[in-house]
Amino acid sequence: HFICATCGSQFAETEAPPTSCPICEDERQYVGWGGQRWTTLDALQREYHNVIKPEEPGLTGIGSHPTFAIGQRALLVRTGEGNVLWDCISLLDPPTIAAVNVLGGIAAIAISHPHYYSSMVEWSRAFGAPVYLHAADRQWVMRPDANIHFWEGETHPLPGGLTLLRCGGHFAGGTVLHWPAGAEGKGALLAGDILQVVSDRRYVSFMYSYPNLIPLPAATVRQIAARVDPYPFDRIYGAWWERVVATDAKASVARSAARYIAALG
C-alpha cells in the first residue's frame, strides 16, 4: 500500500508504486518539485514518530514528527458514547495504538476532505472504527474499504452529540465537525482547512486551493458562513498545531467572510 509523499494518501495494494497521484495532480494540490515520490507505512514507522498531547479537556492532538506530507494533525474527541477521530494522518504505529487505547480507543473516524484521507484504512482496521466521508468526495478515495461509509446531505450525527456539517468550498464534500461540549461547553468547530485558521488567529479564510492560491467565489464563502451559523461555538481548531481561534470564534467567521467578500469586490 504505497503512500504519496506529497499529500500522504495511502493507495490500494500494488506490486509497484502507482504511476501518479490523482489527488496531487488536481489543481488544489501539486506534484512536488522533485516529481512524484512514494513511501510506505513501514518506512514511515522507521523515520517518524507521533506526538500525542492534549489540546483541551476532552480533546487530544495526534501529529507526526518530523512533519510529513501536508503536516496536519488529527484530533481525538473523547465522549461518553465513544471517541471520534477527526481528520487523519499517514503514520500509525504500535506506540500510537497503545496510547489511543489508553484514551478509550476510537468509535468513529470522520475526515474533512480528501487531502487528509491519508492512512484512514489502517486507522479504521486497527481500532475497528467506521470511517465517515461525504459522498460528494467519493472519487478521491485511493484505497477503498468496506469500513468507509459515505454520507449524503448537509449534516450527519456522530456519537456524543457531535455533528458533521457539509460546507463545501475547498471540496464539494468539505466538512467540519461541531463539538458542543468543546470550549468549556460553549462549543467548538473542528474545521480542518475548510475554514482555515490563519496566522492572525482572530480570523479564518476560505480557499479553493491553498498551495496554489486559488480563491473561492463570494457566493461560496457566504454559503460556508451560513452553514455553521446555526451552531453555537466559541473556538475553532484548524488543521495544524496551534492554529486555533481561541475565543469569539463565531464572530471571527462572520467578520472573516465579510472581509473576504469585500476583498473580492
C-alpha atoms as a PDB file:
ATOM      1  CA  HIS A   1       0.000   0.000   0.000  1.00  0.00           C
ATOM      2  CA  PHE A   2       2.157   2.852  -1.290  1.00  0.00           C
ATOM      3  CA  ILE A   3       1.790   6.310   0.270  1.00  0.00           C
ATOM      4  CA  CYS A   4       2.194   9.540  -1.687  1.00  0.00           C
ATOM      5  CA  ALA A   5       4.982  11.513  -0.036  1.00  0.00           C
ATOM      6  CA  THR A   6       3.452  14.864  -1.051  1.00  0.00           C
ATOM      7  CA  CYS A   7      -0.155  14.512   0.131  1.00  0.00           C
ATOM      8  CA  GLY A   8       0.195  11.492   2.437  1.00  0.00           C
ATOM      9  CA  SER A   9      -2.604   9.428   0.866  1.00  0.00           C
ATOM     10  CA  GLN A  10      -2.312   5.657   1.043  1.00  0.00           C
ATOM     11  CA  PHE A  11      -3.254   3.741  -2.106  1.00  0.00           C
ATOM     12  CA  ALA A  12      -4.707   0.311  -2.800  1.00  0.00           C
ATOM     13  CA  GLU A  13      -2.212  -2.537  -2.800  1.00  0.00           C
ATOM     14  CA  THR A  14       0.055  -2.787  -5.855  1.00  0.00           C
ATOM     15  CA  GLU A  15       3.368  -4.515  -6.538  1.00  0.00           C
ATOM     16  CA  ALA A  16       4.966  -1.318  -7.850  1.00  0.00           C
ATOM     17  CA  PRO A  17       4.273   2.323  -6.981  1.00  0.00           C
ATOM     18  CA  PRO A  18       1.322   3.865  -8.852  1.00  0.00           C
ATOM     19  CA  THR A  19       2.178   5.912 -11.924  1.00  0.00           C
ATOM     20  CA  SER A  20       0.626   9.062 -10.445  1.00  0.00           C
ATOM     21  CA  CYS A  21      -1.339  10.509  -7.535  1.00  0.00           C
ATOM     22  CA  PRO A  22      -4.688  11.928  -8.737  1.00  0.00           C
ATOM     23  CA  ILE A  23      -5.037  13.958  -5.532  1.00  0.00           C
ATOM     24  CA  CYS A  24      -1.740  15.756  -6.173  1.00  0.00           C
ATOM     25  CA  GLU A  25      -2.388  16.182  -9.904  1.00  0.00           C
ATOM     26  CA  ASP A  26      -5.619  18.046  -9.095  1.00  0.00           C
ATOM     27  CA  GLU A  27      -5.209  21.839  -9.173  1.00  0.00           C
ATOM     28  CA  ARG A  28      -5.963  22.111  -5.441  1.00  0.00           C
ATOM     29  CA  GLN A  29      -2.727  20.251  -4.649  1.00  0.00           C
ATOM     30  CA  TYR A  30       0.554  19.814  -6.534  1.00  0.00           C
ATOM     31  CA  VAL A  31       3.193  17.290  -7.542  1.00  0.00           C
ATOM     32  CA  GLY A  32       6.410  18.043  -5.670  1.00  0.00           C
ATOM     33  CA  TRP A  33       9.139  19.950  -7.490  1.00  0.00           C
ATOM     34  CA  GLY A  34      11.255  16.789  -7.489  1.00  0.00           C
ATOM     35  CA  GLY A  35       8.476  14.782  -9.119  1.00  0.00           C
ATOM     36  CA  GLN A  36       6.131  12.128  -7.763  1.00  0.00           C
ATOM     37  CA  ARG A  37       7.586  10.300  -4.748  1.00  0.00           C
ATOM     38  CA  TRP A  38       6.288   7.302  -2.813  1.00  0.00           C
ATOM     39  CA  THR A  39       6.895   5.721   0.563  1.00  0.00           C
ATOM     40  CA  THR A  40       5.295   3.003   2.695  1.00  0.00           C
ATOM     41  CA  LEU A  41       3.931   2.716   6.210  1.00  0.00           C
ATOM     42  CA  ASP A  42       6.917   0.547   7.200  1.00  0.00           C
ATOM     43  CA  ALA A  43       9.300   3.284   6.070  1.00  0.00           C
ATOM     44  CA  LEU A  44       7.342   5.948   7.953  1.00  0.00           C
ATOM     45  CA  GLN A  45       7.475   3.865  11.127  1.00  0.00           C
ATOM     46  CA  ARG A  46      11.284   3.814  10.894  1.00  0.00           C
ATOM     47  CA  GLU A  47      11.707   7.523  10.176  1.00  0.00           C
ATOM     48  CA  TYR A  48       8.911   9.272  12.104  1.00  0.00           C
ATOM     49  CA  HIS A  49       7.054   9.121  15.387  1.00  0.00           C
ATOM     50  CA  ASN A  50       3.768  10.598  16.556  1.00  0.00           C
ATOM     51  CA  VAL A  51       3.386  13.339  19.137  1.00  0.00           C
ATOM     52  CA  ILE A  52       0.250  12.973  21.252  1.00  0.00           C
ATOM     53  CA  LYS A  53      -0.747  15.842  23.532  1.00  0.00           C
ATOM     54  CA  PRO A  54      -3.880  17.455  24.980  1.00  0.00           C
ATOM     55  CA  GLU A  55      -5.497  20.464  23.297  1.00  0.00           C
ATOM     56  CA  GLU A  56      -8.162  21.000  25.973  1.00  0.00           C
ATOM     57  CA  PRO A  57     -10.172  18.703  28.275  1.00  0.00           C
ATOM     58  CA  GLY A  58     -11.716  16.005  26.094  1.00  0.00           C
ATOM     59  CA  LEU A  59      -9.576  16.801  23.048  1.00  0.00           C
ATOM     60  CA  THR A  60      -6.199  15.297  22.132  1.00  0.00           C
ATOM     61  CA  GLY A  61      -3.983  16.135  19.172  1.00  0.00           C
ATOM     62  CA  ILE A  62      -2.009  13.497  17.253  1.00  0.00           C
ATOM     63  CA  GLY A  63       0.638  14.619  14.767  1.00  0.00           C
ATOM     64  CA  SER A  64       3.805  13.219  13.211  1.00  0.00           C
ATOM     65  CA  HIS A  65       7.368  14.393  13.873  1.00  0.00           C
ATOM     66  CA  PRO A  66       9.194  15.396  11.765  1.00  0.00           C
ATOM     67  CA  THR A  67       6.426  16.876   9.635  1.00  0.00           C
ATOM     68  CA  PHE A  68       5.312  14.552   6.847  1.00  0.00           C
ATOM     69  CA  ALA A  69       3.450  15.465   3.631  1.00  0.00           C
ATOM     70  CA  ILE A  70       0.888  18.246   4.306  1.00  0.00           C
ATOM     71  CA  GLY A  71       1.698  18.147   8.017  1.00  0.00           C
ATOM     72  CA  GLN A  72      -1.798  18.218   9.532  1.00  0.00           C
ATOM     73  CA  ARG A  73      -2.505  16.745  12.945  1.00  0.00           C
ATOM     74  CA  ALA A  74      -5.535  14.665  13.819  1.00  0.00           C
ATOM     75  CA  LEU A  75      -7.831  15.376  16.776  1.00  0.00           C
ATOM     76  CA  LEU A  76      -9.333  12.764  19.089  1.00  0.00           C
ATOM     77  CA  VAL A  77     -12.625  13.918  20.635  1.00  0.00           C
ATOM     78  CA  ARG A  78     -13.460  11.930  23.759  1.00  0.00           C
ATOM     79  CA  THR A  79     -17.144  11.455  24.576  1.00  0.00           C
ATOM     80  CA  GLY A  80     -19.144   9.223  26.885  1.00  0.00           C
ATOM     81  CA  GLU A  81     -20.553   7.417  23.841  1.00  0.00           C
ATOM     82  CA  GLY A  82     -17.172   6.657  22.267  1.00  0.00           C
ATOM     83  CA  ASN A  83     -14.263   8.626  20.883  1.00  0.00           C
ATOM     84  CA  VAL A  84     -14.234  10.222  17.424  1.00  0.00           C
ATOM     85  CA  LEU A  85     -11.039  10.750  15.436  1.00  0.00           C
ATOM     86  CA  TRP A  86     -11.289  13.918  13.375  1.00  0.00           C
ATOM     87  CA  ASP A  87      -9.128  14.051  10.262  1.00  0.00           C
ATOM     88  CA  CYS A  88      -6.301  11.561   9.920  1.00  0.00           C
ATOM     89  CA  ILE A  89      -2.542  11.245   9.444  1.00  0.00           C
ATOM     90  CA  SER A  90      -0.406   8.806   7.487  1.00  0.00           C
ATOM     91  CA  LEU A  91       1.645   7.338  10.327  1.00  0.00           C
ATOM     92  CA  LEU A  92       0.157   4.682  12.572  1.00  0.00           C
ATOM     93  CA  ASP A  93       2.432   2.553  14.760  1.00  0.00           C
ATOM     94  CA  PRO A  94       2.180   0.342  17.880  1.00  0.00           C
ATOM     95  CA  PRO A  95       3.010   3.163  20.367  1.00  0.00           C
ATOM     96  CA  THR A  96       0.239   5.306  18.870  1.00  0.00           C
ATOM     97  CA  ILE A  97      -2.261   2.452  19.010  1.00  0.00           C
ATOM     98  CA  ALA A  98      -1.385   1.801  22.647  1.00  0.00           C
ATOM     99  CA  ALA A  99      -1.678   5.480  23.594  1.00  0.00           C
ATOM    100  CA  VAL A 100      -5.032   5.902  21.858  1.00  0.00           C
ATOM    101  CA  ASN A 101      -6.366   2.752  23.512  1.00  0.00           C
ATOM    102  CA  VAL A 102      -5.445   4.204  26.912  1.00  0.00           C
ATOM    103  CA  LEU A 103      -7.611   7.201  25.981  1.00  0.00           C
ATOM    104  CA  GLY A 104     -10.537   4.904  25.165  1.00  0.00           C
ATOM    105  CA  GLY A 105      -9.865   3.867  21.578  1.00  0.00           C
ATOM    106  CA  ILE A 106     -11.800   5.116  18.558  1.00  0.00           C
ATOM    107  CA  ALA A 107     -15.503   4.505  17.879  1.00  0.00           C
ATOM    108  CA  ALA A 108     -15.693   6.502  14.626  1.00  0.00           C
ATOM    109  CA  ILE A 109     -13.444   8.379  12.203  1.00  0.00           C
ATOM    110  CA  ALA A 110     -14.552  11.431  10.209  1.00  0.00           C
ATOM    111  CA  ILE A 111     -12.429  13.406   7.751  1.00  0.00           C
ATOM    112  CA  SER A 112     -12.876  16.941   6.462  1.00  0.00           C
ATOM    113  CA  HIS A 113     -11.709  16.432   2.862  1.00  0.00           C
ATOM    114  CA  PRO A 114      -9.503  14.222   0.628  1.00  0.00           C
ATOM    115  CA  HIS A 115      -6.167  15.884   1.470  1.00  0.00           C
ATOM    116  CA  TYR A 116      -6.436  14.290   4.923  1.00  0.00           C
ATOM    117  CA  TYR A 117      -7.662  10.820   3.956  1.00  0.00           C
ATOM    118  CA  SER A 118      -4.042   9.655   4.452  1.00  0.00           C
ATOM    119  CA  SER A 119      -3.897   6.141   6.016  1.00  0.00           C
ATOM    120  CA  MET A 120      -7.519   6.146   7.145  1.00  0.00           C
ATOM    121  CA  VAL A 121      -7.999   2.451   6.356  1.00  0.00           C
ATOM    122  CA  GLU A 122      -5.058   1.494   8.593  1.00  0.00           C
ATOM    123  CA  TRP A 123      -6.577   3.507  11.452  1.00  0.00           C
ATOM    124  CA  SER A 124     -10.026   2.073  10.810  1.00  0.00           C
ATOM    125  CA  ARG A 125      -8.813  -1.522  10.905  1.00  0.00           C
ATOM    126  CA  ALA A 126      -6.588  -1.004  13.946  1.00  0.00           C
ATOM    127  CA  PHE A 127      -9.489   0.284  16.046  1.00  0.00           C
ATOM    128  CA  GLY A 128     -12.465  -1.384  14.372  1.00  0.00           C
ATOM    129  CA  ALA A 129     -13.923   2.055  13.610  1.00  0.00           C
ATOM    130  CA  PRO A 130     -16.078   3.069  10.636  1.00  0.00           C
ATOM    131  CA  VAL A 131     -14.879   5.999   8.524  1.00  0.00           C
ATOM    132  CA  TYR A 132     -17.442   8.660   7.588  1.00  0.00           C
ATOM    133  CA  LEU A 133     -16.794  10.627   4.383  1.00  0.00           C
ATOM    134  CA  HIS A 134     -19.131  12.847   2.416  1.00  0.00           C
ATOM    135  CA  ALA A 135     -20.366  11.098  -0.721  1.00  0.00           C
ATOM    136  CA  ALA A 136     -19.532  14.123  -2.900  1.00  0.00           C
ATOM    137  CA  ASP A 137     -15.826  13.279  -2.478  1.00  0.00           C
ATOM    138  CA  ARG A 138     -16.107   9.544  -3.175  1.00  0.00           C
ATOM    139  CA  GLN A 139     -13.906   9.758  -6.291  1.00  0.00           C
ATOM    140  CA  TRP A 140     -10.873  10.784  -4.216  1.00  0.00           C
ATOM    141  CA  VAL A 141     -10.708   7.600  -2.130  1.00  0.00           C
ATOM    142  CA  MET A 142      -7.488   5.938  -3.276  1.00  0.00           C
ATOM    143  CA  ARG A 143      -7.816   2.851  -1.061  1.00  0.00           C
ATOM    144  CA  PRO A 144     -11.434   1.626  -0.988  1.00  0.00           C
ATOM    145  CA  ASP A 145     -12.538  -0.388   2.032  1.00  0.00           C
ATOM    146  CA  ALA A 146     -15.754  -1.841   3.448  1.00  0.00           C
ATOM    147  CA  ASN A 147     -15.309   0.263   6.611  1.00  0.00           C
ATOM    148  CA  ILE A 148     -15.761   3.501   4.642  1.00  0.00           C
ATOM    149  CA  HIS A 149     -19.298   4.877   4.877  1.00  0.00           C
ATOM    150  CA  PHE A 150     -20.388   7.676   2.542  1.00  0.00           C
ATOM    151  CA  TRP A 151     -22.997  10.023   3.950  1.00  0.00           C
ATOM    152  CA  GLU A 152     -25.125  12.435   1.957  1.00  0.00           C
ATOM    153  CA  GLY A 153     -26.943  15.666   2.652  1.00  0.00           C
ATOM    154  CA  GLU A 154     -25.871  18.589   4.811  1.00  0.00           C
ATOM    155  CA  THR A 155     -25.479  17.069   8.291  1.00  0.00           C
ATOM    156  CA  HIS A 156     -24.663  13.706   9.854  1.00  0.00           C
ATOM    157  CA  PRO A 157     -24.753  12.792  13.581  1.00  0.00           C
ATOM    158  CA  LEU A 158     -21.875  11.075  15.358  1.00  0.00           C
ATOM    159  CA  PRO A 159     -21.521   9.672  18.905  1.00  0.00           C
ATOM    160  CA  GLY A 160     -21.503  12.074  21.848  1.00  0.00           C
ATOM    161  CA  GLY A 161     -23.716  14.732  20.281  1.00  0.00           C
ATOM    162  CA  LEU A 162     -21.176  15.556  17.552  1.00  0.00           C
ATOM    163  CA  THR A 163     -22.424  16.683  14.140  1.00  0.00           C
ATOM    164  CA  LEU A 164     -20.762  16.696  10.736  1.00  0.00           C
ATOM    165  CA  LEU A 165     -21.644  19.775   8.653  1.00  0.00           C
ATOM    166  CA  ARG A 166     -21.052  19.864   4.916  1.00  0.00           C
ATOM    167  CA  CYS A 167     -19.734  23.299   3.995  1.00  0.00           C
ATOM    168  CA  GLY A 168     -18.284  22.626   0.556  1.00  0.00           C
ATOM    169  CA  GLY A 169     -15.831  25.194  -0.755  1.00  0.00           C
ATOM    170  CA  HIS A 170     -12.373  23.621  -0.778  1.00  0.00           C
ATOM    171  CA  PHE A 171     -14.012  20.350  -1.921  1.00  0.00           C
ATOM    172  CA  ALA A 172     -17.638  19.632  -2.784  1.00  0.00           C
ATOM    173  CA  GLY A 173     -17.931  17.455   0.316  1.00  0.00           C
ATOM    174  CA  GLY A 174     -15.793  19.686   2.528  1.00  0.00           C
ATOM    175  CA  THR A 175     -16.903  19.050   6.111  1.00  0.00           C
ATOM    176  CA  VAL A 176     -16.424  20.494   9.590  1.00  0.00           C
ATOM    177  CA  LEU A 177     -17.231  18.856  12.929  1.00  0.00           C
ATOM    178  CA  HIS A 178     -19.342  20.595  15.565  1.00  0.00           C
ATOM    179  CA  TRP A 179     -18.401  19.614  19.133  1.00  0.00           C
ATOM    180  CA  PRO A 180     -20.983  21.115  21.515  1.00  0.00           C
ATOM    181  CA  ALA A 181     -19.026  20.262  24.683  1.00  0.00           C
ATOM    182  CA  GLY A 182     -15.871  21.985  23.438  1.00  0.00           C
ATOM    183  CA  ALA A 183     -14.524  25.312  24.696  1.00  0.00           C
ATOM    184  CA  GLU A 184     -15.793  24.694  28.226  1.00  0.00           C
ATOM    185  CA  GLY A 185     -19.293  23.968  26.978  1.00  0.00           C
ATOM    186  CA  LYS A 186     -19.512  26.972  24.643  1.00  0.00           C
ATOM    187  CA  GLY A 187     -18.997  24.760  21.600  1.00  0.00           C
ATOM    188  CA  ALA A 188     -16.136  24.291  19.143  1.00  0.00           C
ATOM    189  CA  LEU A 189     -15.718  23.679  15.434  1.00  0.00           C
ATOM    190  CA  LEU A 190     -13.050  21.282  14.217  1.00  0.00           C
ATOM    191  CA  ALA A 191     -12.545  22.735  10.790  1.00  0.00           C
ATOM    192  CA  GLY A 192      -9.540  21.185   9.074  1.00  0.00           C
ATOM    193  CA  ASP A 193      -8.839  23.823   6.450  1.00  0.00           C
ATOM    194  CA  ILE A 194     -12.403  24.109   5.200  1.00  0.00           C
ATOM    195  CA  LEU A 195     -12.279  27.181   7.435  1.00  0.00           C
ATOM    196  CA  GLN A 196      -8.549  27.868   7.542  1.00  0.00           C
ATOM    197  CA  VAL A 197      -7.248  29.415  10.772  1.00  0.00           C
ATOM    198  CA  VAL A 198      -4.716  31.974   9.530  1.00  0.00           C
ATOM    199  CA  SER A 199      -1.628  33.443  11.195  1.00  0.00           C
ATOM    200  CA  ASP A 200      -3.680  36.284  12.679  1.00  0.00           C
ATOM    201  CA  ARG A 201      -5.709  33.866  14.748  1.00  0.00           C
ATOM    202  CA  ARG A 202      -8.622  36.262  15.100  1.00  0.00           C
ATOM    203  CA  TYR A 203      -9.575  35.294  11.545  1.00  0.00           C
ATOM    204  CA  VAL A 204     -10.165  32.357   9.239  1.00  0.00           C
ATOM    205  CA  SER A 205     -10.015  32.160   5.464  1.00  0.00           C
ATOM    206  CA  PHE A 206     -11.561  30.146   2.655  1.00  0.00           C
ATOM    207  CA  MET A 207      -9.804  28.885  -0.480  1.00  0.00           C
ATOM    208  CA  TYR A 208     -10.328  26.518  -3.378  1.00  0.00           C
ATOM    209  CA  SER A 209      -6.580  25.828  -3.385  1.00  0.00           C
ATOM    210  CA  TYR A 210      -4.268  26.900  -0.586  1.00  0.00           C
ATOM    211  CA  PRO A 211      -0.879  25.953  -2.100  1.00  0.00           C
ATOM    212  CA  ASN A 212      -1.832  27.424  -5.488  1.00  0.00           C
ATOM    213  CA  LEU A 213      -3.702  30.436  -4.051  1.00  0.00           C
ATOM    214  CA  ILE A 214      -6.973  29.972  -5.934  1.00  0.00           C
ATOM    215  CA  PRO A 215      -9.787  31.840  -4.157  1.00  0.00           C
ATOM    216  CA  LEU A 216     -13.419  30.870  -3.750  1.00  0.00           C
ATOM    217  CA  PRO A 217     -16.280  32.971  -5.148  1.00  0.00           C
ATOM    218  CA  ALA A 218     -18.255  35.210  -2.822  1.00  0.00           C
ATOM    219  CA  ALA A 219     -21.388  33.053  -3.020  1.00  0.00           C
ATOM    220  CA  THR A 220     -19.495  30.011  -1.769  1.00  0.00           C
ATOM    221  CA  VAL A 221     -17.976  31.936   1.137  1.00  0.00           C
ATOM    222  CA  ARG A 222     -21.456  33.142   2.120  1.00  0.00           C
ATOM    223  CA  GLN A 223     -22.664  29.530   1.966  1.00  0.00           C
ATOM    224  CA  ILE A 224     -19.891  28.296   4.272  1.00  0.00           C
ATOM    225  CA  ALA A 225     -20.585  31.022   6.832  1.00  0.00           C
ATOM    226  CA  ALA A 226     -24.322  30.295   6.665  1.00  0.00           C
ATOM    227  CA  ARG A 227     -23.819  26.540   7.182  1.00  0.00           C
ATOM    228  CA  VAL A 228     -22.027  26.958  10.508  1.00  0.00           C
ATOM    229  CA  ASP A 229     -24.037  29.935  11.789  1.00  0.00           C
ATOM    230  CA  PRO A 230     -26.912  27.954  13.406  1.00  0.00           C
ATOM    231  CA  TYR A 231     -24.465  26.108  15.688  1.00  0.00           C
ATOM    232  CA  PRO A 232     -23.033  27.593  18.908  1.00  0.00           C
ATOM    233  CA  PHE A 233     -19.219  27.691  19.000  1.00  0.00           C
ATOM    234  CA  ASP A 234     -16.635  29.879  20.687  1.00  0.00           C
ATOM    235  CA  ARG A 235     -13.499  28.127  19.394  1.00  0.00           C
ATOM    236  CA  ILE A 236     -12.180  26.805  16.075  1.00  0.00           C
ATOM    237  CA  TYR A 237      -9.476  24.181  15.739  1.00  0.00           C
ATOM    238  CA  GLY A 238      -7.682  24.288  12.405  1.00  0.00           C
ATOM    239  CA  ALA A 239      -5.623  21.524  10.821  1.00  0.00           C
ATOM    240  CA  TRP A 240      -2.228  22.233  12.416  1.00  0.00           C
ATOM    241  CA  TRP A 241      -0.825  22.597  15.926  1.00  0.00           C
ATOM    242  CA  GLU A 242      -1.665  25.995  17.443  1.00  0.00           C
ATOM    243  CA  ARG A 243      -3.894  27.019  14.518  1.00  0.00           C
ATOM    244  CA  VAL A 244      -6.740  27.799  16.898  1.00  0.00           C
ATOM    245  CA  VAL A 245      -9.203  30.680  17.185  1.00  0.00           C
ATOM    246  CA  ALA A 246      -9.332  30.504  20.971  1.00  0.00           C
ATOM    247  CA  THR A 247     -12.357  32.715  21.691  1.00  0.00           C
ATOM    248  CA  ASP A 248     -15.139  34.630  19.937  1.00  0.00           C
ATOM    249  CA  ALA A 249     -14.877  32.234  17.002  1.00  0.00           C
ATOM    250  CA  LYS A 250     -18.427  32.718  15.733  1.00  0.00           C
ATOM    251  CA  ALA A 251     -17.850  36.438  15.309  1.00  0.00           C
ATOM    252  CA  SER A 252     -14.498  35.600  13.737  1.00  0.00           C
ATOM    253  CA  VAL A 253     -16.186  33.604  10.970  1.00  0.00           C
ATOM    254  CA  ALA A 254     -18.657  36.407  10.262  1.00  0.00           C
ATOM    255  CA  ARG A 255     -16.039  39.152  10.049  1.00  0.00           C
ATOM    256  CA  SER A 256     -13.673  36.898   8.086  1.00  0.00           C
ATOM    257  CA  ALA A 257     -16.339  36.138   5.492  1.00  0.00           C
ATOM    258  CA  ALA A 258     -17.239  39.830   5.219  1.00  0.00           C
ATOM    259  CA  ARG A 259     -13.575  40.798   4.784  1.00  0.00           C
ATOM    260  CA  TYR A 260     -13.023  38.113   2.138  1.00  0.00           C
ATOM    261  CA  ILE A 261     -16.090  39.105   0.138  1.00  0.00           C
ATOM    262  CA  ALA A 262     -15.147  42.786   0.316  1.00  0.00           C
ATOM    263  CA  ALA A 263     -11.664  41.976  -0.996  1.00  0.00           C
ATOM    264  CA  LEU A 264     -13.148  40.103  -3.958  1.00  0.00           C
ATOM    265  CA  GLY A 265     -15.307  43.110  -4.740  1.00  0.00           C
END
